[in-house]
Amino acid sequence: MLREWIRRLPSAQLLTICADIAARHSAVWRLATAELSRRRDPPHPLPERPGTVMDDRRPLARA
């Protein structure tokens, strides 16, 4: 049913959905790495986000 609904959407809406989903995944990635960095018990190596280099990503906000 969901697949059928997706198939009926115009391309512009699909592109908007994909952009939103990508942003959510990015936010989830930043939250997860911030939590691992905060815990440091035991120290965890922080994974790189696919397609980026650790040095060029924005600093994580501290809660």
Protein backbone atom coordinates (compact mmCIF):
# COMPACT_ATOMS: atom_id res chain seq x y z
CA MET A 1 0.00 0.00 0.00
CA LEU A 2 2.79 2.45 0.90
CA ARG A 3 4.75 1.41 -2.19
CA GLU A 4 1.71 2.17 -4.36
CA TRP A 5 1.28 5.58 -2.74
CA ILE A 6 4.97 6.39 -3.32
CA ARG A 7 4.73 5.30 -6.94
CA ARG A 8 1.85 7.74 -7.52
CA LEU A 9 3.69 10.77 -6.14
CA PRO A 10 5.11 13.34 -8.56
CA SER A 11 8.90 13.44 -8.94
CA ALA A 12 9.12 16.82 -7.17
CA GLN A 13 7.48 15.38 -4.05
CA LEU A 14 9.74 12.33 -4.11
CA LEU A 15 12.81 14.59 -4.27
CA THR A 16 11.51 16.56 -1.28
CA ILE A 17 10.93 13.38 0.71
CA CYS A 18 14.43 12.09 -0.13
CA ALA A 19 15.99 15.37 0.97
CA ASP A 20 14.08 15.28 4.27
CA ILE A 21 15.03 11.66 4.93
CA ALA A 22 18.70 12.43 4.22
CA ALA A 23 18.59 15.30 6.70
CA ARG A 24 17.09 13.06 9.36
CA HIS A 25 19.76 10.45 8.84
CA SER A 26 22.41 13.13 9.15
CA ALA A 27 20.87 14.43 12.38
CA VAL A 28 20.68 10.91 13.79
CA TRP A 29 24.33 10.38 12.88
CA ARG A 30 25.38 13.60 14.67
CA LEU A 31 23.38 12.72 17.78
CA ALA A 32 24.85 9.21 17.92
CA THR A 33 28.43 10.44 17.56
CA ALA A 34 27.84 13.15 20.17
CA GLU A 35 26.54 10.53 22.61
CA LEU A 36 29.52 8.24 21.98
CA SER A 37 31.86 11.19 22.43
CA ARG A 38 30.11 12.20 25.67
CA ARG A 39 30.26 8.71 27.20
CA ARG A 40 33.90 7.80 26.51
CA ASP A 41 33.39 4.70 28.66
CA PRO A 42 35.17 2.79 27.13
CA PRO A 43 36.52 5.12 24.43
CA HIS A 44 34.75 4.53 21.12
CA PRO A 45 36.30 5.42 17.76
CA LEU A 46 33.84 7.73 16.04
CA PRO A 47 32.81 6.48 12.60
CA GLU A 48 32.94 8.83 9.66
CA ARG A 49 29.71 9.76 7.99
CA PRO A 50 29.65 8.10 4.56
CA GLY A 51 30.99 10.46 1.92
CA THR A 52 32.70 12.92 4.27
CA VAL A 53 36.03 13.48 5.92
CA MET A 54 36.06 13.98 9.68
CA ASP A 55 38.01 17.27 9.40
CA ASP A 56 35.47 19.02 7.16
CA ARG A 57 32.29 18.30 9.08
CA ARG A 58 30.68 20.84 11.35
CA PRO A 59 31.50 20.60 15.07
CA LEU A 60 28.91 18.77 17.14
CA ALA A 61 26.77 20.87 19.45
CA ARG A 62 27.09 20.02 23.12
CA ALA A 63 23.92 19.53 25.14
